[in-house]
Each structure stands twice: as C-alpha cells, then as structure tokens.
C-alpha atoms as a PDB file:
ATOM      1  CA  MET A   1     -40.743 -11.472  -8.841  1.00  0.00           C
ATOM      2  CA  PHE A   2     -42.116 -10.128  -5.550  1.00  0.00           C
ATOM      3  CA  GLY A   3     -41.300 -13.383  -3.814  1.00  0.00           C
ATOM      4  CA  ASP A   4     -37.685 -13.045  -4.861  1.00  0.00           C
ATOM      5  CA  LEU A   5     -37.577  -9.412  -3.728  1.00  0.00           C
ATOM      6  CA  PHE A   6     -38.943 -10.060  -0.251  1.00  0.00           C
ATOM      7  CA  GLY A   7     -36.862 -13.237   0.014  1.00  0.00           C
ATOM      8  CA  LYS A   8     -33.662 -11.283  -0.563  1.00  0.00           C
ATOM      9  CA  LYS A   9     -34.542  -8.870   2.206  1.00  0.00           C
ATOM     10  CA  ASN A  10     -34.823 -11.813   4.586  1.00  0.00           C
ATOM     11  CA  ILE A  11     -31.505 -13.398   3.597  1.00  0.00           C
ATOM     12  CA  ALA A  12     -29.120 -13.360   6.541  1.00  0.00           C
ATOM     13  CA  GLY A  13     -25.446 -12.789   5.821  1.00  0.00           C
ATOM     14  CA  PRO A  14     -22.730 -14.800   7.602  1.00  0.00           C
ATOM     15  CA  LEU A  15     -22.063 -13.856  11.217  1.00  0.00           C
ATOM     16  CA  ALA A  16     -18.909 -12.098  12.320  1.00  0.00           C
ATOM     17  CA  LYS A  17     -16.492 -14.030  14.525  1.00  0.00           C
ATOM     18  CA  ILE A  18     -15.899 -11.060  16.819  1.00  0.00           C
ATOM     19  CA  ASP A  19     -18.049  -8.590  18.715  1.00  0.00           C
ATOM     20  CA  TYR A  20     -17.552  -5.149  17.223  1.00  0.00           C
ATOM     21  CA  THR A  21     -19.101  -3.553  20.295  1.00  0.00           C
ATOM     22  CA  GLN A  22     -15.636  -3.529  21.884  1.00  0.00           C
ATOM     23  CA  PHE A  23     -14.349  -1.256  19.147  1.00  0.00           C
ATOM     24  CA  PHE A  24     -16.712   1.455  20.434  1.00  0.00           C
ATOM     25  CA  THR A  25     -16.542   0.832  24.177  1.00  0.00           C
ATOM     26  CA  ALA A  26     -13.026  -0.400  25.023  1.00  0.00           C
ATOM     27  CA  GLN A  27      -9.961   1.711  25.723  1.00  0.00           C
ATOM     28  CA  GLN A  28      -7.631  -1.021  24.568  1.00  0.00           C
ATOM     29  CA  ILE A  29      -7.843  -3.985  22.173  1.00  0.00           C
ATOM     30  CA  ASP A  30      -5.045  -6.522  21.834  1.00  0.00           C
ATOM     31  CA  GLY A  31      -2.688  -4.166  23.631  1.00  0.00           C
ATOM     32  CA  ILE A  32      -3.485  -1.280  21.271  1.00  0.00           C
ATOM     33  CA  ALA A  33      -5.017   1.915  22.649  1.00  0.00           C
ATOM     34  CA  VAL A  34      -8.434   2.708  21.192  1.00  0.00           C
ATOM     35  CA  GLU A  35     -10.579   5.844  21.386  1.00  0.00           C
ATOM     36  CA  GLN A  36     -13.957   6.734  19.997  1.00  0.00           C
ATOM     37  CA  LEU A  37     -14.486   9.769  17.768  1.00  0.00           C
ATOM     38  CA  PRO A  38     -17.994  11.106  17.028  1.00  0.00           C
ATOM     39  CA  VAL A  39     -18.176  12.647  13.556  1.00  0.00           C
ATOM     40  CA  GLY A  40     -21.748  13.898  13.507  1.00  0.00           C
ATOM     41  CA  LYS A  41     -25.056  12.630  12.137  1.00  0.00           C
ATOM     42  CA  LEU A  42     -25.841  10.661   8.979  1.00  0.00           C
ATOM     43  CA  HIS A  43     -29.135  11.686   7.431  1.00  0.00           C
ATOM     44  CA  LEU A  44     -31.047   8.776   5.945  1.00  0.00           C
ATOM     45  CA  ALA A  45     -33.892   9.981   3.765  1.00  0.00           C
ATOM     46  CA  SER A  46     -34.866   6.540   2.460  1.00  0.00           C
ATOM     47  CA  GLY A  47     -33.196   4.201   4.953  1.00  0.00           C
ATOM     48  CA  LYS A  48     -31.260   2.546   2.111  1.00  0.00           C
ATOM     49  CA  ILE A  49     -27.583   2.741   3.005  1.00  0.00           C
ATOM     50  CA  VAL A  50     -24.602   2.739   0.638  1.00  0.00           C
ATOM     51  CA  ALA A  51     -21.025   2.029   1.676  1.00  0.00           C
ATOM     52  CA  ALA A  52     -18.328   2.854  -0.862  1.00  0.00           C
ATOM     53  CA  ASP A  53     -15.143   4.656  -1.772  1.00  0.00           C
ATOM     54  CA  PRO A  54     -16.557   8.174  -2.342  1.00  0.00           C
ATOM     55  CA  LEU A  55     -13.933   9.205  -4.844  1.00  0.00           C
ATOM     56  CA  VAL A  56     -13.950   6.114  -7.051  1.00  0.00           C
ATOM     57  CA  TYR A  57     -16.937   3.838  -6.657  1.00  0.00           C
ATOM     58  CA  LEU A  58     -19.831   5.683  -5.048  1.00  0.00           C
ATOM     59  CA  SER A  59     -21.469   6.363  -8.419  1.00  0.00           C
ATOM     60  CA  VAL A  60     -21.713   2.632  -9.198  1.00  0.00           C
ATOM     61  CA  SER A  61     -22.301   1.131  -5.752  1.00  0.00           C
ATOM     62  CA  LEU A  62     -25.565  -0.507  -4.687  1.00  0.00           C
ATOM     63  CA  PRO A  63     -27.315  -0.007  -1.342  1.00  0.00           C
ATOM     64  CA  PHE A  64     -27.488  -2.817   1.174  1.00  0.00           C
ATOM     65  CA  ILE A  65     -30.543  -5.049   0.882  1.00  0.00           C
ATOM     66  CA  LYS A  66     -31.636  -4.506   4.461  1.00  0.00           C
ATOM     67  CA  THR A  67     -32.984  -1.060   5.294  1.00  0.00           C
ATOM     68  CA  VAL A  68     -33.529   1.010   8.412  1.00  0.00           C
ATOM     69  CA  LYS A  69     -36.062   3.608   9.449  1.00  0.00           C
ATOM     70  CA  PRO A  70     -35.331   7.026   7.866  1.00  0.00           C
ATOM     71  CA  GLY A  71     -33.841   9.522  10.295  1.00  0.00           C
ATOM     72  CA  ASP A  72     -30.648  11.122  11.570  1.00  0.00           C
ATOM     73  CA  TYR A  73     -28.151   8.784  13.226  1.00  0.00           C
ATOM     74  CA  ASP A  74     -24.848   9.143  15.078  1.00  0.00           C
ATOM     75  CA  VAL A  75     -21.667   8.102  13.308  1.00  0.00           C
ATOM     76  CA  ILE A  76     -18.721   7.081  15.491  1.00  0.00           C
ATOM     77  CA  VAL A  77     -15.153   6.161  14.503  1.00  0.00           C
ATOM     78  CA  SER A  78     -13.016   3.657  16.411  1.00  0.00           C
ATOM     79  CA  VAL A  79      -9.475   5.039  16.297  1.00  0.00           C
ATOM     80  CA  ALA A  80      -6.558   2.690  17.028  1.00  0.00           C
ATOM     81  CA  SER A  81      -3.149   4.070  18.025  1.00  0.00           C
ATOM     82  CA  THR A  82      -0.891   1.538  16.312  1.00  0.00           C
ATOM     83  CA  GLU A  83       2.797   1.275  17.180  1.00  0.00           C
ATOM     84  CA  ASP A  84       4.205   1.400  13.660  1.00  0.00           C
ATOM     85  CA  MET A  85       1.552   3.228  11.627  1.00  0.00           C
ATOM     86  CA  GLY A  86       0.201   5.824  14.045  1.00  0.00           C
ATOM     87  CA  GLU A  87      -3.495   6.425  14.430  1.00  0.00           C
ATOM     88  CA  ARG A  88      -5.665   4.383  12.099  1.00  0.00           C
ATOM     89  CA  TYR A  89      -9.427   4.127  11.743  1.00  0.00           C
ATOM     90  CA  ALA A  90     -10.218   0.561  12.786  1.00  0.00           C
ATOM     91  CA  ALA A  91     -13.970   0.725  12.259  1.00  0.00           C
ATOM     92  CA  VAL A  92     -16.835   3.162  11.726  1.00  0.00           C
ATOM     93  CA  MET A  93     -20.322   2.670  13.137  1.00  0.00           C
ATOM     94  CA  VAL A  94     -23.743   4.128  12.415  1.00  0.00           C
ATOM     95  CA  LYS A  95     -25.799   3.791  15.593  1.00  0.00           C
ATOM     96  CA  PHE A  96     -29.545   3.318  15.141  1.00  0.00           C
ATOM     97  CA  SER A  97     -30.552   2.629  18.765  1.00  0.00           C
ATOM     98  CA  ASP A  98     -29.150   2.248  22.249  1.00  0.00           C
ATOM     99  CA  GLN A  99     -29.698  -1.519  22.178  1.00  0.00           C
ATOM    100  CA  LEU A 100     -26.589  -3.697  22.231  1.00  0.00           C
ATOM    101  CA  PRO A 101     -25.986  -6.171  19.401  1.00  0.00           C
ATOM    102  CA  VAL A 102     -26.086  -9.859  20.272  1.00  0.00           C
ATOM    103  CA  LYS A 103     -24.703 -10.757  16.847  1.00  0.00           C
ATOM    104  CA  TRP A 104     -23.149  -9.126  13.809  1.00  0.00           C
ATOM    105  CA  GLU A 105     -24.486 -10.117  10.380  1.00  0.00           C
ATOM    106  CA  MET A 106     -22.604  -9.393   7.178  1.00  0.00           C
ATOM    107  CA  ALA A 107     -24.340  -6.647   5.148  1.00  0.00           C
ATOM    108  CA  LEU A 108     -25.198  -7.731   1.600  1.00  0.00           C
ATOM    109  CA  THR A 109     -26.148  -5.938  -1.605  1.00  0.00           C
ATOM    110  CA  ASP A 110     -28.080  -7.326  -4.574  1.00  0.00           C
ATOM    111  CA  GLU A 111     -24.731  -8.102  -6.218  1.00  0.00           C
ATOM    112  CA  ASN A 112     -23.812 -10.519  -3.445  1.00  0.00           C
ATOM    113  CA  ASP A 113     -24.762 -14.196  -3.618  1.00  0.00           C
ATOM    114  CA  ILE A 114     -24.028 -16.025  -0.370  1.00  0.00           C
ATOM    115  CA  ASN A 115     -23.546 -19.206  -2.381  1.00  0.00           C
ATOM    116  CA  ASP A 116     -20.285 -17.638  -3.626  1.00  0.00           C
ATOM    117  CA  LEU A 117     -18.884 -17.832  -0.101  1.00  0.00           C
ATOM    118  CA  LYS A 118     -17.233 -21.190  -0.448  1.00  0.00           C
ATOM    119  CA  HIS A 119     -14.790 -21.015   2.437  1.00  0.00           C
ATOM    120  CA  GLU A 120     -15.028 -20.021   6.084  1.00  0.00           C
ATOM    121  CA  ASP A 121     -12.886 -16.932   5.611  1.00  0.00           C
ATOM    122  CA  ASP A 122     -14.603 -15.637   2.440  1.00  0.00           C
ATOM    123  CA  TYR A 123     -16.469 -12.340   2.753  1.00  0.00           C
ATOM    124  CA  PHE A 124     -18.113  -9.598   0.730  1.00  0.00           C
ATOM    125  CA  GLY A 125     -16.863  -6.039   1.025  1.00  0.00           C
ATOM    126  CA  PHE A 126     -16.703  -2.763  -0.826  1.00  0.00           C
ATOM    127  CA  PRO A 127     -13.536  -1.848  -2.746  1.00  0.00           C
ATOM    128  CA  VAL A 128     -11.373   1.144  -1.781  1.00  0.00           C
ATOM    129  CA  ASP A 129      -8.831   2.559  -4.233  1.00  0.00           C
ATOM    130  CA  ALA A 130      -8.471   6.129  -2.933  1.00  0.00           C
ATOM    131  CA  GLY A 131      -7.923   5.421   0.752  1.00  0.00           C
ATOM    132  CA  LEU A 132     -11.437   6.531   1.729  1.00  0.00           C
ATOM    133  CA  GLY A 133     -14.732   4.929   2.623  1.00  0.00           C
ATOM    134  CA  CYS A 134     -18.133   6.476   3.233  1.00  0.00           C
ATOM    135  CA  PHE A 135     -21.686   5.898   4.343  1.00  0.00           C
ATOM    136  CA  CYS A 136     -24.657   7.674   2.768  1.00  0.00           C
ATOM    137  CA  ASP A 137     -28.317   7.229   1.941  1.00  0.00           C
ATOM    138  CA  SER A 138     -29.171   6.147  -1.599  1.00  0.00           C
ATOM    139  CA  ARG A 139     -30.883   9.518  -2.186  1.00  0.00           C
ATOM    140  CA  ALA A 140     -27.755  11.338  -0.963  1.00  0.00           C
ATOM    141  CA  GLN A 141     -25.788   9.143  -3.375  1.00  0.00           C
ATOM    142  CA  GLU A 142     -27.882  10.485  -6.271  1.00  0.00           C
ATOM    143  CA  ALA A 143     -27.393  14.086  -5.136  1.00  0.00           C
ATOM    144  CA  TYR A 144     -23.655  13.538  -4.699  1.00  0.00           C
ATOM    145  CA  ILE A 145     -23.307  12.026  -8.187  1.00  0.00           C
ATOM    146  CA  GLN A 146     -25.019  15.123  -9.622  1.00  0.00           C
ATOM    147  CA  PHE A 147     -22.747  17.409  -7.569  1.00  0.00           C
ATOM    148  CA  VAL A 148     -19.626  15.650  -8.915  1.00  0.00           C
ATOM    149  CA  ARG A 149     -20.859  15.958 -12.495  1.00  0.00           C
ATOM    150  CA  GLU A 150     -21.488  19.657 -12.059  1.00  0.00           C
ATOM    151  CA  PHE A 151     -18.135  20.173 -10.371  1.00  0.00           C
ATOM    152  CA  TYR A 152     -16.207  18.667 -13.285  1.00  0.00           C
ATOM    153  CA  ALA A 153     -18.395  20.452 -15.835  1.00  0.00           C
ATOM    154  CA  SER A 154     -17.408  23.797 -14.318  1.00  0.00           C
ATOM    155  CA  HIS A 155     -13.864  22.807 -13.263  1.00  0.00           C
ATOM    156  CA  PRO A 156     -12.663  20.430 -16.014  1.00  0.00           C
ATOM    157  CA  GLN A 157      -8.996  20.815 -15.069  1.00  0.00           C
ATOM    158  CA  ASP A 158      -9.433  20.312 -11.326  1.00  0.00           C
ATOM    159  CA  ASN A 159      -9.182  17.300  -9.069  1.00  0.00           C
ATOM    160  CA  ILE A 160     -12.176  17.062  -6.780  1.00  0.00           C
ATOM    161  CA  TYR A 161     -10.142  15.859  -3.802  1.00  0.00           C
ATOM    162  CA  ASP A 162      -7.147  18.223  -4.134  1.00  0.00           C
ATOM    163  CA  ASP A 163      -9.179  21.253  -5.145  1.00  0.00           C
ATOM    164  CA  PHE A 164     -12.387  20.780  -3.157  1.00  0.00           C
ATOM    165  CA  PHE A 165     -12.331  18.147  -0.420  1.00  0.00           C
ATOM    166  CA  ASP A 166      -8.758  18.599   0.833  1.00  0.00           C
ATOM    167  CA  PRO A 167      -9.360  21.912   2.687  1.00  0.00           C
ATOM    168  CA  ALA A 168     -12.519  20.482   4.268  1.00  0.00           C
ATOM    169  CA  PHE A 169     -10.703  17.379   5.492  1.00  0.00           C
ATOM    170  CA  LYS A 170      -7.882  19.598   6.808  1.00  0.00           C
ATOM    171  CA  ALA A 171     -10.414  21.526   8.867  1.00  0.00           C
ATOM    172  CA  ASN A 172     -11.069  18.286  10.801  1.00  0.00           C
ATOM    173  CA  ALA A 173      -7.382  17.588  11.431  1.00  0.00           C
ATOM    174  CA  LYS A 174      -6.559  16.528  14.989  1.00  0.00           C
ATOM    175  CA  ASP A 175      -3.644  18.991  14.935  1.00  0.00           C
ATOM    176  CA  PRO A 176      -4.331  21.738  12.378  1.00  0.00           C
ATOM    177  CA  SER A 177      -0.840  23.180  12.956  1.00  0.00           C
ATOM    178  CA  ASP A 178       0.771  19.936  11.744  1.00  0.00           C
ATOM    179  CA  PRO A 179       1.272  20.080   7.964  1.00  0.00           C
ATOM    180  CA  HIS A 180       1.318  16.264   7.848  1.00  0.00           C
ATOM    181  CA  ASP A 181      -2.122  16.023   9.509  1.00  0.00           C
ATOM    182  CA  ILE A 182      -4.430  16.269   6.488  1.00  0.00           C
ATOM    183  CA  GLY A 183      -7.564  15.243   8.368  1.00  0.00           C
ATOM    184  CA  ASP A 184      -9.144  11.806   8.353  1.00  0.00           C
ATOM    185  CA  TRP A 185     -12.861  12.428   8.110  1.00  0.00           C
ATOM    186  CA  LEU A 186     -15.470  14.709   6.601  1.00  0.00           C
ATOM    187  CA  ASN A 187     -19.226  14.968   7.182  1.00  0.00           C
ATOM    188  CA  PHE A 188     -20.041  16.407   3.777  1.00  0.00           C
ATOM    189  CA  ALA A 189     -23.312  18.229   3.192  1.00  0.00           C
ATOM    190  CA  VAL A 190     -24.030  17.842  -0.518  1.00  0.00           C
ATOM    191  CA  PRO A 191     -24.261  21.348  -2.073  1.00  0.00           C
ATOM    192  CA  GLY A 192     -27.639  22.184  -3.508  1.00  0.00           C
ATOM    193  CA  ALA A 193     -29.351  19.584  -1.333  1.00  0.00           C
ATOM    194  CA  GLU A 194     -29.743  21.639   1.834  1.00  0.00           C
ATOM    195  CA  ASN A 195     -33.513  21.241   1.949  1.00  0.00           C
ATOM    196  CA  GLN A 196     -33.136  17.485   1.847  1.00  0.00           C
ATOM    197  CA  LYS A 197     -30.196  17.422   4.314  1.00  0.00           C
ATOM    198  CA  HIS A 198     -28.347  14.971   2.095  1.00  0.00           C
ATOM    199  CA  ASN A 199     -24.858  14.202   3.406  1.00  0.00           C
ATOM    200  CA  VAL A 200     -22.013  11.787   2.861  1.00  0.00           C
ATOM    201  CA  VAL A 201     -19.852  10.808   5.844  1.00  0.00           C
ATOM    202  CA  MET A 202     -16.327  10.112   4.573  1.00  0.00           C
ATOM    203  CA  PHE A 203     -13.430   8.596   6.507  1.00  0.00           C
ATOM    204  CA  HIS A 204      -9.973   7.175   5.928  1.00  0.00           C
ATOM    205  CA  SER A 205      -9.896   3.402   5.485  1.00  0.00           C
ATOM    206  CA  GLY A 206      -7.612   1.802   8.037  1.00  0.00           C
ATOM    207  CA  PHE A 207      -4.276   1.077   6.400  1.00  0.00           C
ATOM    208  CA  GLY A 208      -5.495   2.208   2.973  1.00  0.00           C
ATOM    209  CA  ASP A 209      -6.874   0.444  -0.099  1.00  0.00           C
ATOM    210  CA  GLY A 210      -8.539  -2.952  -0.017  1.00  0.00           C
ATOM    211  CA  TYR A 211     -11.921  -4.669   0.350  1.00  0.00           C
ATOM    212  CA  TYR A 212     -13.789  -3.971   3.558  1.00  0.00           C
ATOM    213  CA  PRO A 213     -16.843  -5.773   4.944  1.00  0.00           C
ATOM    214  CA  CYS A 214     -19.796  -4.226   6.716  1.00  0.00           C
ATOM    215  CA  TYR A 215     -21.903  -5.845   9.419  1.00  0.00           C
ATOM    216  CA  TRP A 216     -25.358  -5.188  10.807  1.00  0.00           C
ATOM    217  CA  GLY A 217     -25.558  -5.201  14.591  1.00  0.00           C
ATOM    218  CA  ILE A 218     -28.668  -7.196  15.538  1.00  0.00           C
ATOM    219  CA  ASP A 219     -30.162  -6.812  19.028  1.00  0.00           C
ATOM    220  CA  ALA A 220     -31.886  -9.374  21.228  1.00  0.00           C
ATOM    221  CA  GLN A 221     -35.252  -8.565  19.620  1.00  0.00           C
ATOM    222  CA  GLY A 222     -33.872  -9.272  16.142  1.00  0.00           C
ATOM    223  CA  GLU A 223     -33.850  -5.568  15.198  1.00  0.00           C
ATOM    224  CA  ILE A 224     -31.019  -3.711  13.501  1.00  0.00           C
ATOM    225  CA  CYS A 225     -29.324  -1.456  16.045  1.00  0.00           C
ATOM    226  CA  SER A 226     -26.091  -0.502  14.229  1.00  0.00           C
ATOM    227  CA  LEU A 227     -23.996  -0.857  11.092  1.00  0.00           C
ATOM    228  CA  VAL A 228     -20.192  -1.208  11.163  1.00  0.00           C
ATOM    229  CA  VAL A 229     -17.446  -1.236   8.553  1.00  0.00           C
ATOM    230  CA  ASP A 230     -14.351  -3.191   9.621  1.00  0.00           C
ATOM    231  CA  PHE A 231     -11.064  -1.818   8.242  1.00  0.00           C
ATOM    232  CA  MET A 232      -9.177  -4.853   9.482  1.00  0.00           C
ATOM    233  CA  VAL A 233      -6.675  -2.892  11.578  1.00  0.00           C
ATOM    234  CA  PHE A 234      -6.901  -5.733  14.120  1.00  0.00           C
ATOM    235  CA  GLY A 235      -6.531  -8.373  11.439  1.00  0.00           C
ATOM    236  CA  SER A 236     -10.075  -9.686  11.243  1.00  0.00           C
ATOM    237  CA  PRO A 237     -11.854 -10.872   9.233  1.00  0.00           C
ATOM    238  CA  PRO A 238      -9.165 -12.661   7.205  1.00  0.00           C
ATOM    239  CA  ALA A 239      -8.505 -11.031   3.852  1.00  0.00           C
ATOM    240  CA  ASP A 240     -10.304 -13.329   1.407  1.00  0.00           C
ATOM    241  CA  PRO A 241     -12.794 -10.990  -0.329  1.00  0.00           C
ATOM    242  CA  ILE A 242     -15.191 -12.222  -2.998  1.00  0.00           C
ATOM    243  CA  LYS A 243     -14.986  -9.612  -5.771  1.00  0.00           C
END
C-alpha cells in the first residue's frame, strides 16, 4: 500500500509542448496582446492543491498528487486581448518561487492513469460547466463545501452565484461603470474560516466551458516552482481530453 502511495507521488505527467513562461512575461503572443494581472495570494494550509469549477465540481474534485510547501503564494492571470472575443483569460499561474521552469509537467490526480493517454494529443484536465475555474487548498475546499451547504440551508430559494458571488465579481470589474463588465475574477475568503485564512481564487475560463489541463513548472533543480492552468485561448494543447 505505502509503496503504491509513494510511487504515485513520483509519477511524472506528460510534458507540455510549449513554455508557459511566455504567458506571464510576454506582451504579445502569436500577434495577440497579452498582459499580466495579479489577483492576490492563495493560502495553502496543507500544500494539496485542487483545481476545479467552483460552482459545479469543487465538492467532488480531488487534489493533485504532487504537493508544495504550505504558505501564501501569488496568483497571476495571463489576459489575452483577442480580436473577436475581447479579453479572455488565457492561463492562470500560482507562483511558488522566483526560479524559472525548464519544463512543464501535466498535473495529475489519483483519478488519472497515464496509461489512458493513448495518443500524443490526449490530456487530463478538470471540467468546467459554469464558465469558471479555481485554485484552492484541500482544506479550503472542505471549508468552502461547508459554506455552500450552510448558504443553501439558509437561502433555499437563492442561487449562490447570482445572489452571493455576482456582486463580489462585479467589484473586480475592469470598468465598474460598464454594465456588461461583470468581473472576471474573485479571491474569495471563505466565511467562518478567517482564522485559517482559507480562500478560493476563482477566475473565468478562457472561452467558457470545457476541459482544461494544469501543468507543474519544474525548475533546473527539479523543484516545483509554479502551477498553471491552460484555458487554450492560444489553441494548445489540442482538445482531446480524457474524461
């Protein structure tokens, strides 16, 4: 049993074909203007990270197998100004150190079996059905699930996005005077968990719903220095998710 557990932690996911560093350093990619948007810190109490759609799947999502040192880490969004669809979040990164990645390794959960990746373009990702993704610690996930239960117990007729999250997202709108700018991100401090600093960093998912892969940035010493979710705004990786 223990051999299997430790073996899983050492399993390396497939490597990305592109260097995501450019998403967070460049001003232009493939002729599309790109800017970087800091959205605050992610508190990791356990170092076990969950990536999920916060409105649909967070309650049933597993953390990644690999872990990082507990702490507070910067979260940065790569915003692409597309010609036809306006500003879209191309990727979101959690930065664990100032070291640069020399490779990007697909992040896996216990549900993922790399033997299921039969073709070069296959990948594992998390599903999005509400147009949002998020990063959080597994302990924050537990606190968030409890918060959602309590919200619906006391507001059985309400919708948690429309009646709770919407005004908070709107507060982060780029142009608050624009009624069409509903805000694209929220660094949500879970109510009742102030002493633990549990938070969930939510963000719009590129062009909307889909399956989106995450990659660990690995530095020259073999240490994890970042974690990125790719919303495929620039068309990579190819869309062949293993569900």
